[in-house]
Amino acid sequence: MTADYLRSKFDAALPYDAYLATGTAEQQRRWNDVAAKLTLTAEQKKLLGGFTRTMPVLVVSGIWCGDCVAQCPMFDLIARAAPKTVQLRFVDRDQHKDLSDQVRLNAGSRVPTVLFLAEDFELSGLYGDRTLARYRAIASRQLGPSCPVGIVPPGDEELAETIAEWVAEFERIQLMLRLSPRLRQKHGD
């Protein structure tokens, strides 16, 4: 995946609200129910607000997907806390198979898959489809082939743990970008 290819995918992607609008009323309700339960701590807001490097973030998603219902509103909350640096966009997994086929995890087209990009669209990180907290919560409820559909939002503790892990991943990429010799030379810092 070249930077030019990733830039073209990012340019074709939708901002959160426009992506959410592609879903049915019921799908939108599910995403909004999760969003209504989410909060960032003051420390998380301060951390995110202190980001200095531009970070395009491209999410391969499925509006129908339970894991996307549970996590994509978190990405929006994180991006809103860092509006000058985190540029968040979404593509549908099935409509962008050329991309989703290249970011398969464990031989599957898993969603959400998050591509963290540098300001020049160089791939800086790939993360998906669930954080450790999310895997632990799901494993404690079920160990089988079924997938949660997002009908009921995750509990408050699971949401808090999952968003903390996502904030940490955004921070990890931000630090990678801040410490990148290539970008430090470019920015003179």
N, C-alpha and C. Protein backbone atom coordinates (compact mmCIF):
# COMPACT_ATOMS: atom_id res chain seq x y z
N MET A 1 0.85 -1.17 0.00
CA MET A 1 0.00 0.00 0.00
C MET A 1 0.90 1.24 0.00
N THR A 2 0.84 1.97 -1.06
CA THR A 2 1.65 3.17 -1.16
C THR A 2 0.93 4.35 -0.52
N ALA A 3 1.68 5.40 -0.25
CA ALA A 3 1.08 6.61 0.31
C ALA A 3 0.05 7.19 -0.66
N ASP A 4 0.32 7.14 -1.95
CA ASP A 4 -0.64 7.66 -2.93
C ASP A 4 -1.94 6.87 -2.90
N TYR A 5 -1.83 5.56 -2.81
CA TYR A 5 -3.02 4.71 -2.73
C TYR A 5 -3.82 5.04 -1.47
N LEU A 6 -3.13 5.13 -0.33
CA LEU A 6 -3.82 5.42 0.93
C LEU A 6 -4.44 6.82 0.91
N ARG A 7 -3.76 7.78 0.30
CA ARG A 7 -4.34 9.12 0.17
C ARG A 7 -5.63 9.06 -0.65
N SER A 8 -5.62 8.29 -1.74
CA SER A 8 -6.83 8.19 -2.57
C SER A 8 -7.97 7.54 -1.80
N LYS A 9 -7.67 6.56 -0.98
CA LYS A 9 -8.70 5.93 -0.16
C LYS A 9 -9.22 6.89 0.90
N PHE A 10 -8.31 7.64 1.51
CA PHE A 10 -8.71 8.63 2.51
C PHE A 10 -9.59 9.70 1.87
N ASP A 11 -9.22 10.15 0.68
CA ASP A 11 -10.00 11.17 -0.01
C ASP A 11 -11.39 10.67 -0.39
N ALA A 12 -11.53 9.38 -0.62
CA ALA A 12 -12.83 8.79 -0.97
C ALA A 12 -13.66 8.45 0.26
N ALA A 13 -13.05 8.48 1.42
CA ALA A 13 -13.72 8.08 2.66
C ALA A 13 -14.64 9.20 3.17
N LEU A 14 -15.49 8.82 4.13
CA LEU A 14 -16.46 9.74 4.68
C LEU A 14 -16.13 10.13 6.11
N PRO A 15 -16.41 11.38 6.48
CA PRO A 15 -16.34 11.75 7.90
C PRO A 15 -17.38 10.95 8.69
N TYR A 16 -17.20 10.90 9.99
CA TYR A 16 -18.04 10.07 10.86
C TYR A 16 -19.54 10.29 10.62
N ASP A 17 -20.00 11.53 10.70
CA ASP A 17 -21.44 11.78 10.58
C ASP A 17 -21.99 11.36 9.22
N ALA A 18 -21.24 11.61 8.16
CA ALA A 18 -21.69 11.21 6.82
C ALA A 18 -21.69 9.68 6.70
N TYR A 19 -20.69 9.04 7.28
CA TYR A 19 -20.65 7.57 7.24
C TYR A 19 -21.84 7.00 8.02
N LEU A 20 -22.09 7.53 9.20
CA LEU A 20 -23.20 7.06 10.02
C LEU A 20 -24.53 7.23 9.27
N ALA A 21 -24.65 8.29 8.51
CA ALA A 21 -25.88 8.55 7.75
C ALA A 21 -26.13 7.52 6.66
N THR A 22 -25.12 6.70 6.31
CA THR A 22 -25.32 5.66 5.30
C THR A 22 -26.08 4.46 5.86
N GLY A 23 -26.21 4.40 7.18
CA GLY A 23 -26.90 3.27 7.81
C GLY A 23 -28.39 3.48 7.90
N THR A 24 -29.07 2.41 8.25
CA THR A 24 -30.51 2.49 8.48
C THR A 24 -30.77 3.26 9.77
N ALA A 25 -32.00 3.63 10.00
CA ALA A 25 -32.36 4.33 11.24
C ALA A 25 -31.98 3.48 12.45
N GLU A 26 -32.20 2.18 12.37
CA GLU A 26 -31.87 1.29 13.49
C GLU A 26 -30.36 1.22 13.71
N GLN A 27 -29.60 1.12 12.64
CA GLN A 27 -28.14 1.10 12.78
C GLN A 27 -27.64 2.41 13.38
N GLN A 28 -28.17 3.51 12.92
CA GLN A 28 -27.78 4.82 13.47
C GLN A 28 -28.12 4.90 14.95
N ARG A 29 -29.28 4.38 15.33
CA ARG A 29 -29.68 4.39 16.73
C ARG A 29 -28.68 3.62 17.58
N ARG A 30 -28.25 2.47 17.10
CA ARG A 30 -27.30 1.65 17.85
C ARG A 30 -25.98 2.40 18.05
N TRP A 31 -25.46 2.99 16.99
CA TRP A 31 -24.21 3.75 17.09
C TRP A 31 -24.40 4.93 18.04
N ASN A 32 -25.52 5.62 17.92
CA ASN A 32 -25.77 6.79 18.78
C ASN A 32 -25.97 6.39 20.24
N ASP A 33 -26.55 5.22 20.49
CA ASP A 33 -26.70 4.74 21.87
C ASP A 33 -25.34 4.54 22.52
N VAL A 34 -24.39 3.98 21.78
CA VAL A 34 -23.04 3.81 22.32
C VAL A 34 -22.38 5.18 22.51
N ALA A 35 -22.48 6.03 21.51
CA ALA A 35 -21.87 7.36 21.60
C ALA A 35 -22.35 8.12 22.83
N ALA A 36 -23.64 7.96 23.16
CA ALA A 36 -24.21 8.67 24.30
C ALA A 36 -23.63 8.20 25.63
N LYS A 37 -23.08 7.00 25.65
CA LYS A 37 -22.52 6.45 26.89
C LYS A 37 -21.04 6.75 27.06
N LEU A 38 -20.41 7.30 26.04
CA LEU A 38 -18.95 7.48 26.05
C LEU A 38 -18.53 8.80 26.68
N THR A 39 -17.44 8.73 27.41
CA THR A 39 -16.80 9.93 27.92
C THR A 39 -15.29 9.71 27.91
N LEU A 40 -14.59 10.80 27.83
CA LEU A 40 -13.14 10.79 28.01
C LEU A 40 -12.85 11.42 29.36
N THR A 41 -11.83 10.94 30.02
CA THR A 41 -11.43 11.56 31.28
C THR A 41 -10.75 12.89 30.95
N ALA A 42 -10.62 13.74 31.95
CA ALA A 42 -9.93 15.01 31.76
C ALA A 42 -8.50 14.78 31.30
N GLU A 43 -7.87 13.75 31.85
CA GLU A 43 -6.49 13.42 31.46
C GLU A 43 -6.43 12.98 30.00
N GLN A 44 -7.39 12.17 29.56
CA GLN A 44 -7.41 11.73 28.16
C GLN A 44 -7.63 12.92 27.23
N LYS A 45 -8.54 13.82 27.59
CA LYS A 45 -8.79 15.02 26.77
C LYS A 45 -7.53 15.88 26.66
N LYS A 46 -6.83 16.04 27.78
CA LYS A 46 -5.60 16.84 27.78
C LYS A 46 -4.55 16.18 26.88
N LEU A 47 -4.40 14.88 27.01
CA LEU A 47 -3.43 14.14 26.20
C LEU A 47 -3.74 14.32 24.72
N LEU A 48 -4.96 14.06 24.33
CA LEU A 48 -5.35 14.14 22.92
C LEU A 48 -5.25 15.57 22.40
N GLY A 49 -5.64 16.53 23.22
CA GLY A 49 -5.55 17.93 22.82
C GLY A 49 -4.12 18.41 22.65
N GLY A 50 -3.16 17.68 23.22
CA GLY A 50 -1.76 18.05 23.11
C GLY A 50 -1.05 17.46 21.91
N PHE A 51 -1.75 16.69 21.10
CA PHE A 51 -1.13 16.13 19.91
C PHE A 51 -0.69 17.26 18.99
N THR A 52 0.46 17.09 18.34
CA THR A 52 0.96 18.13 17.45
C THR A 52 1.11 17.66 16.00
N ARG A 53 1.25 16.39 15.77
CA ARG A 53 1.39 15.88 14.40
C ARG A 53 0.02 15.55 13.81
N THR A 54 -0.17 15.91 12.57
CA THR A 54 -1.38 15.55 11.85
C THR A 54 -1.41 14.03 11.66
N MET A 55 -2.55 13.44 11.97
CA MET A 55 -2.73 12.00 11.87
C MET A 55 -4.00 11.68 11.09
N PRO A 56 -3.91 11.46 9.80
CA PRO A 56 -5.08 10.91 9.12
C PRO A 56 -5.33 9.49 9.65
N VAL A 57 -6.57 9.20 9.97
CA VAL A 57 -6.95 7.89 10.49
C VAL A 57 -8.07 7.37 9.61
N LEU A 58 -7.82 6.24 8.96
CA LEU A 58 -8.77 5.65 8.03
C LEU A 58 -9.30 4.35 8.64
N VAL A 59 -10.61 4.29 8.81
CA VAL A 59 -11.25 3.13 9.43
C VAL A 59 -12.00 2.33 8.38
N VAL A 60 -11.65 1.06 8.25
CA VAL A 60 -12.40 0.13 7.41
C VAL A 60 -13.47 -0.45 8.32
N SER A 61 -14.73 -0.26 7.95
CA SER A 61 -15.82 -0.54 8.87
C SER A 61 -16.98 -1.20 8.15
N GLY A 62 -17.96 -1.56 8.94
CA GLY A 62 -19.25 -2.03 8.44
C GLY A 62 -20.31 -1.43 9.33
N ILE A 63 -21.19 -0.67 8.78
CA ILE A 63 -22.21 0.03 9.58
C ILE A 63 -23.07 -0.97 10.35
N TRP A 64 -23.12 -2.20 9.87
CA TRP A 64 -23.92 -3.29 10.43
C TRP A 64 -23.20 -4.05 11.54
N CYS A 65 -21.92 -3.83 11.69
CA CYS A 65 -21.05 -4.66 12.53
C CYS A 65 -21.15 -4.29 14.01
N GLY A 66 -21.35 -5.28 14.85
CA GLY A 66 -21.44 -5.04 16.30
C GLY A 66 -20.17 -4.47 16.89
N ASP A 67 -19.00 -4.94 16.42
CA ASP A 67 -17.75 -4.39 16.93
C ASP A 67 -17.57 -2.93 16.49
N CYS A 68 -18.07 -2.60 15.30
CA CYS A 68 -18.01 -1.20 14.84
C CYS A 68 -18.97 -0.35 15.66
N VAL A 69 -20.15 -0.87 15.95
CA VAL A 69 -21.11 -0.17 16.80
C VAL A 69 -20.45 0.18 18.13
N ALA A 70 -19.72 -0.78 18.70
CA ALA A 70 -19.13 -0.60 20.03
C ALA A 70 -17.89 0.28 20.04
N GLN A 71 -17.18 0.38 18.90
CA GLN A 71 -15.88 1.06 18.93
C GLN A 71 -15.78 2.30 18.04
N CYS A 72 -16.45 2.34 16.91
CA CYS A 72 -16.30 3.49 16.01
C CYS A 72 -16.74 4.81 16.64
N PRO A 73 -17.79 4.83 17.47
CA PRO A 73 -18.09 6.10 18.14
C PRO A 73 -16.94 6.56 19.05
N MET A 74 -16.12 5.63 19.53
CA MET A 74 -14.95 6.00 20.31
C MET A 74 -13.95 6.77 19.46
N PHE A 75 -13.77 6.32 18.22
CA PHE A 75 -12.83 7.00 17.33
C PHE A 75 -13.30 8.43 17.09
N ASP A 76 -14.60 8.60 16.92
CA ASP A 76 -15.14 9.94 16.72
C ASP A 76 -14.89 10.82 17.94
N LEU A 77 -15.12 10.27 19.12
CA LEU A 77 -14.89 11.03 20.35
C LEU A 77 -13.42 11.43 20.47
N ILE A 78 -12.53 10.51 20.15
CA ILE A 78 -11.09 10.80 20.19
C ILE A 78 -10.75 11.89 19.19
N ALA A 79 -11.27 11.78 17.97
CA ALA A 79 -10.98 12.78 16.94
C ALA A 79 -11.51 14.15 17.34
N ARG A 80 -12.67 14.19 17.96
CA ARG A 80 -13.24 15.48 18.39
C ARG A 80 -12.40 16.12 19.50
N ALA A 81 -11.70 15.29 20.27
CA ALA A 81 -10.83 15.81 21.33
C ALA A 81 -9.50 16.30 20.77
N ALA A 82 -9.20 15.95 19.53
CA ALA A 82 -7.94 16.37 18.89
C ALA A 82 -8.26 16.90 17.48
N PRO A 83 -9.11 17.92 17.39
CA PRO A 83 -9.61 18.34 16.07
C PRO A 83 -8.56 18.91 15.13
N LYS A 84 -7.46 19.41 15.66
CA LYS A 84 -6.43 19.99 14.81
C LYS A 84 -5.48 18.94 14.25
N THR A 85 -5.48 17.74 14.82
CA THR A 85 -4.49 16.75 14.41
C THR A 85 -5.08 15.44 13.91
N VAL A 86 -6.14 14.95 14.51
CA VAL A 86 -6.71 13.66 14.10
C VAL A 86 -7.77 13.91 13.04
N GLN A 87 -7.49 13.42 11.85
CA GLN A 87 -8.42 13.53 10.72
C GLN A 87 -9.01 12.15 10.48
N LEU A 88 -10.25 11.96 10.89
CA LEU A 88 -10.90 10.65 10.89
C LEU A 88 -11.81 10.48 9.69
N ARG A 89 -11.66 9.33 9.01
CA ARG A 89 -12.52 8.99 7.88
C ARG A 89 -12.84 7.50 7.91
N PHE A 90 -13.98 7.16 7.28
CA PHE A 90 -14.47 5.78 7.27
C PHE A 90 -14.75 5.32 5.84
N VAL A 91 -14.44 4.06 5.58
CA VAL A 91 -14.85 3.41 4.34
C VAL A 91 -15.56 2.11 4.70
N ASP A 92 -16.52 1.76 3.88
CA ASP A 92 -17.23 0.50 4.06
C ASP A 92 -16.36 -0.64 3.54
N ARG A 93 -16.23 -1.67 4.35
CA ARG A 93 -15.39 -2.81 4.01
C ARG A 93 -15.77 -3.42 2.66
N ASP A 94 -17.06 -3.59 2.42
CA ASP A 94 -17.52 -4.28 1.21
C ASP A 94 -17.46 -3.39 -0.02
N GLN A 95 -17.57 -2.09 0.15
CA GLN A 95 -17.50 -1.17 -0.98
C GLN A 95 -16.05 -0.85 -1.37
N HIS A 96 -15.11 -1.15 -0.48
CA HIS A 96 -13.69 -0.89 -0.72
C HIS A 96 -12.90 -2.18 -0.52
N LYS A 97 -13.33 -3.22 -1.23
CA LYS A 97 -12.69 -4.53 -1.09
C LYS A 97 -11.21 -4.50 -1.46
N ASP A 98 -10.84 -3.62 -2.37
CA ASP A 98 -9.43 -3.54 -2.75
C ASP A 98 -8.57 -3.15 -1.54
N LEU A 99 -9.11 -2.34 -0.65
CA LEU A 99 -8.40 -1.99 0.58
C LEU A 99 -8.60 -3.06 1.64
N SER A 100 -9.85 -3.46 1.87
CA SER A 100 -10.11 -4.42 2.96
C SER A 100 -9.39 -5.75 2.70
N ASP A 101 -9.22 -6.13 1.46
CA ASP A 101 -8.47 -7.36 1.16
C ASP A 101 -7.00 -7.23 1.55
N GLN A 102 -6.48 -6.02 1.55
CA GLN A 102 -5.07 -5.82 1.89
C GLN A 102 -4.83 -5.71 3.40
N VAL A 103 -5.89 -5.54 4.17
CA VAL A 103 -5.73 -5.39 5.62
C VAL A 103 -6.45 -6.50 6.37
N ARG A 104 -6.54 -7.65 5.75
CA ARG A 104 -7.15 -8.81 6.40
C ARG A 104 -6.32 -9.19 7.62
N LEU A 105 -7.01 -9.60 8.67
CA LEU A 105 -6.36 -10.02 9.91
C LEU A 105 -6.77 -11.45 10.20
N ASN A 106 -5.79 -12.29 10.49
CA ASN A 106 -6.05 -13.69 10.77
C ASN A 106 -6.91 -14.31 9.65
N ALA A 107 -6.56 -13.96 8.42
CA ALA A 107 -7.21 -14.47 7.21
C ALA A 107 -8.66 -14.08 7.10
N GLY A 108 -9.06 -12.98 7.73
CA GLY A 108 -10.44 -12.53 7.65
C GLY A 108 -10.55 -11.04 7.42
N SER A 109 -11.66 -10.65 6.83
CA SER A 109 -11.94 -9.22 6.61
C SER A 109 -12.61 -8.67 7.87
N ARG A 110 -11.82 -8.41 8.86
CA ARG A 110 -12.34 -7.98 10.16
C ARG A 110 -12.55 -6.48 10.19
N VAL A 111 -13.58 -6.08 10.90
CA VAL A 111 -13.87 -4.65 11.09
C VAL A 111 -14.22 -4.41 12.54
N PRO A 112 -13.90 -3.25 13.06
CA PRO A 112 -13.18 -2.18 12.39
C PRO A 112 -11.68 -2.47 12.33
N THR A 113 -11.08 -2.05 11.24
CA THR A 113 -9.63 -2.07 11.10
C THR A 113 -9.21 -0.62 10.90
N VAL A 114 -8.27 -0.19 11.72
CA VAL A 114 -7.88 1.22 11.73
C VAL A 114 -6.48 1.35 11.13
N LEU A 115 -6.38 2.18 10.12
CA LEU A 115 -5.09 2.49 9.50
C LEU A 115 -4.68 3.87 9.98
N PHE A 116 -3.58 3.93 10.70
CA PHE A 116 -3.03 5.19 11.18
C PHE A 116 -2.00 5.65 10.17
N LEU A 117 -2.13 6.89 9.71
CA LEU A 117 -1.28 7.40 8.65
C LEU A 117 -0.52 8.62 9.13
N ALA A 118 0.65 8.82 8.55
CA ALA A 118 1.40 10.06 8.78
C ALA A 118 0.78 11.15 7.91
N GLU A 119 1.18 12.37 8.13
CA GLU A 119 0.61 13.50 7.40
C GLU A 119 0.77 13.37 5.89
N ASP A 120 1.77 12.62 5.44
CA ASP A 120 1.99 12.41 4.01
C ASP A 120 1.41 11.06 3.55
N PHE A 121 0.57 10.48 4.39
CA PHE A 121 -0.19 9.26 4.11
C PHE A 121 0.65 7.99 4.08
N GLU A 122 1.84 8.05 4.65
CA GLU A 122 2.62 6.83 4.86
C GLU A 122 1.94 6.03 5.97
N LEU A 123 1.80 4.73 5.77
CA LEU A 123 1.19 3.87 6.78
C LEU A 123 2.07 3.86 8.03
N SER A 124 1.48 4.16 9.17
CA SER A 124 2.22 4.20 10.43
C SER A 124 1.77 3.14 11.41
N GLY A 125 0.59 2.61 11.22
CA GLY A 125 0.10 1.58 12.11
C GLY A 125 -1.21 1.01 11.60
N LEU A 126 -1.45 -0.23 11.97
CA LEU A 126 -2.68 -0.92 11.60
C LEU A 126 -3.17 -1.63 12.84
N TYR A 127 -4.42 -1.42 13.20
CA TYR A 127 -4.95 -2.01 14.42
C TYR A 127 -6.38 -2.44 14.16
N GLY A 128 -6.71 -3.61 14.60
CA GLY A 128 -8.08 -4.05 14.48
C GLY A 128 -8.20 -5.43 15.08
N ASP A 129 -9.23 -5.88 15.21
CA ASP A 129 -10.60 -5.44 15.11
C ASP A 129 -11.18 -5.14 16.49
N ARG A 130 -10.44 -5.55 17.50
CA ARG A 130 -10.86 -5.34 18.89
C ARG A 130 -9.62 -5.10 19.75
N THR A 131 -9.82 -4.32 20.79
CA THR A 131 -8.75 -4.16 21.78
C THR A 131 -8.77 -5.36 22.72
N LEU A 132 -7.75 -5.46 23.55
CA LEU A 132 -7.68 -6.55 24.52
C LEU A 132 -8.88 -6.53 25.47
N ALA A 133 -9.25 -5.36 25.95
CA ALA A 133 -10.40 -5.26 26.86
C ALA A 133 -11.67 -5.77 26.19
N ARG A 134 -11.84 -5.42 24.92
CA ARG A 134 -13.03 -5.87 24.18
C ARG A 134 -12.99 -7.39 24.01
N TYR A 135 -11.84 -7.95 23.65
CA TYR A 135 -11.73 -9.40 23.52
C TYR A 135 -12.02 -10.09 24.85
N ARG A 136 -11.49 -9.56 25.94
CA ARG A 136 -11.74 -10.18 27.25
C ARG A 136 -13.21 -10.16 27.59
N ALA A 137 -13.88 -9.03 27.33
CA ALA A 137 -15.31 -8.92 27.66
C ALA A 137 -16.13 -9.90 26.83
N ILE A 138 -15.83 -9.99 25.56
CA ILE A 138 -16.57 -10.91 24.69
C ILE A 138 -16.29 -12.35 25.09
N ALA A 139 -15.03 -12.66 25.37
CA ALA A 139 -14.68 -14.03 25.77
C ALA A 139 -15.37 -14.43 27.06
N SER A 140 -15.56 -13.47 27.97
CA SER A 140 -16.22 -13.81 29.22
C SER A 140 -17.71 -14.09 29.02
N ARG A 141 -18.29 -13.55 27.96
CA ARG A 141 -19.71 -13.76 27.66
C ARG A 141 -19.95 -14.97 26.77
N GLN A 142 -18.99 -15.23 25.89
CA GLN A 142 -19.20 -16.31 24.92
C GLN A 142 -17.88 -16.77 24.37
N LEU A 143 -17.79 -18.02 24.13
CA LEU A 143 -16.66 -18.56 23.40
C LEU A 143 -17.25 -19.44 22.31
N GLY A 144 -17.47 -18.84 21.16
CA GLY A 144 -18.06 -19.56 20.05
C GLY A 144 -17.99 -18.72 18.80
N PRO A 145 -18.60 -19.20 17.73
CA PRO A 145 -18.46 -18.53 16.45
C PRO A 145 -19.36 -17.31 16.27
N SER A 146 -20.31 -17.06 17.16
CA SER A 146 -21.22 -15.95 16.94
C SER A 146 -20.54 -14.62 17.21
N CYS A 147 -21.08 -13.59 16.60
CA CYS A 147 -20.51 -12.25 16.69
C CYS A 147 -21.56 -11.32 17.30
N PRO A 148 -21.18 -10.45 18.24
CA PRO A 148 -22.16 -9.51 18.78
C PRO A 148 -22.64 -8.58 17.68
N VAL A 149 -23.90 -8.22 17.72
CA VAL A 149 -24.48 -7.39 16.67
C VAL A 149 -24.73 -5.96 17.11
N GLY A 150 -24.39 -5.63 18.33
CA GLY A 150 -24.52 -4.26 18.78
C GLY A 150 -25.92 -3.84 19.15
N ILE A 151 -26.81 -4.81 19.35
CA ILE A 151 -28.18 -4.47 19.71
C ILE A 151 -28.21 -3.81 21.09
N VAL A 152 -27.41 -4.32 21.99
CA VAL A 152 -27.29 -3.75 23.34
C VAL A 152 -25.88 -3.19 23.49
N PRO A 153 -25.75 -1.92 23.87
CA PRO A 153 -24.41 -1.36 24.03
C PRO A 153 -23.63 -2.10 25.11
N PRO A 154 -22.31 -2.14 24.97
CA PRO A 154 -21.49 -2.75 26.01
C PRO A 154 -21.67 -2.00 27.33
N GLY A 155 -21.32 -2.67 28.43
CA GLY A 155 -21.42 -2.05 29.74
C GLY A 155 -20.42 -0.92 29.92
N ASP A 156 -20.68 -0.09 30.92
CA ASP A 156 -19.85 1.09 31.16
C ASP A 156 -18.38 0.75 31.39
N GLU A 157 -18.12 -0.31 32.16
CA GLU A 157 -16.73 -0.68 32.46
C GLU A 157 -16.01 -1.12 31.19
N GLU A 158 -16.68 -1.93 30.38
CA GLU A 158 -16.06 -2.36 29.12
C GLU A 158 -15.81 -1.17 28.21
N LEU A 159 -16.76 -0.26 28.13
CA LEU A 159 -16.56 0.93 27.29
C LEU A 159 -15.37 1.75 27.77
N ALA A 160 -15.26 1.96 29.08
CA ALA A 160 -14.16 2.75 29.63
C ALA A 160 -12.81 2.09 29.37
N GLU A 161 -12.74 0.78 29.55
CA GLU A 161 -11.49 0.07 29.30
C GLU A 161 -11.12 0.07 27.81
N THR A 162 -12.11 -0.11 26.97
CA THR A 162 -11.86 -0.15 25.53
C THR A 162 -11.43 1.21 25.02
N ILE A 163 -12.11 2.26 25.44
CA ILE A 163 -11.72 3.59 24.97
C ILE A 163 -10.33 3.97 25.49
N ALA A 164 -10.00 3.54 26.69
CA ALA A 164 -8.65 3.80 27.23
C ALA A 164 -7.59 3.13 26.35
N GLU A 165 -7.88 1.91 25.90
CA GLU A 165 -6.92 1.22 25.04
C GLU A 165 -6.82 1.90 23.67
N TRP A 166 -7.93 2.38 23.14
CA TRP A 166 -7.87 3.09 21.87
C TRP A 166 -7.11 4.41 22.02
N VAL A 167 -7.36 5.14 23.10
CA VAL A 167 -6.62 6.39 23.34
C VAL A 167 -5.13 6.08 23.39
N ALA A 168 -4.76 5.00 24.06
CA ALA A 168 -3.35 4.62 24.15
C ALA A 168 -2.77 4.31 22.77
N GLU A 169 -3.55 3.68 21.91
CA GLU A 169 -3.06 3.39 20.56
C GLU A 169 -2.90 4.67 19.75
N PHE A 170 -3.84 5.59 19.86
CA PHE A 170 -3.70 6.88 19.19
C PHE A 170 -2.45 7.60 19.71
N GLU A 171 -2.22 7.53 21.02
CA GLU A 171 -1.04 8.15 21.60
C GLU A 171 0.24 7.48 21.08
N ARG A 172 0.23 6.16 21.00
CA ARG A 172 1.41 5.43 20.51
C ARG A 172 1.78 5.90 19.11
N ILE A 173 0.78 6.03 18.25
CA ILE A 173 1.05 6.47 16.88
C ILE A 173 1.50 7.93 16.88
N GLN A 174 0.89 8.78 17.70
CA GLN A 174 1.30 10.17 17.77
C GLN A 174 2.77 10.27 18.19
N LEU A 175 3.16 9.47 19.18
CA LEU A 175 4.55 9.48 19.61
C LEU A 175 5.48 8.95 18.52
N MET A 176 5.04 7.94 17.78
CA MET A 176 5.83 7.45 16.66
C MET A 176 6.06 8.58 15.66
N LEU A 177 5.00 9.33 15.37
CA LEU A 177 5.11 10.43 14.41
C LEU A 177 5.98 11.57 14.96
N ARG A 178 5.85 11.84 16.24
CA ARG A 178 6.65 12.91 16.87
C ARG A 178 8.13 12.55 16.89
N LEU A 179 8.44 11.26 17.06
CA LEU A 179 9.84 10.83 17.17
C LEU A 179 10.43 10.39 15.83
N SER A 180 9.65 10.38 14.78
CA SER A 180 10.12 9.97 13.47
C SER A 180 11.22 10.91 12.99
N PRO A 181 12.43 10.39 12.75
CA PRO A 181 13.49 11.26 12.23
C PRO A 181 13.08 12.00 10.96
N ARG A 182 12.37 11.32 10.09
CA ARG A 182 11.92 11.92 8.83
C ARG A 182 11.02 13.14 9.10
N LEU A 183 10.07 12.99 10.01
CA LEU A 183 9.14 14.08 10.29
C LEU A 183 9.78 15.15 11.18
N ARG A 184 10.67 14.74 12.06
CA ARG A 184 11.37 15.74 12.89
C ARG A 184 12.23 16.65 12.00
N GLN A 185 12.88 16.06 11.03
CA GLN A 185 13.69 16.87 10.12
C GLN A 185 12.79 17.82 9.33
N LYS A 186 11.68 17.31 8.85
CA LYS A 186 10.75 18.13 8.07
C LYS A 186 10.24 19.32 8.88
N HIS A 187 9.91 19.07 10.16
CA HIS A 187 9.31 20.10 11.01
C HIS A 187 10.33 20.87 11.84
N GLY A 188 11.57 20.45 11.80
CA GLY A 188 12.61 21.13 12.55
C GLY A 188 12.44 21.04 14.06
N ASP A 189 11.92 19.92 14.51
CA ASP A 189 11.73 19.75 15.96
C ASP A 189 12.33 18.45 16.45
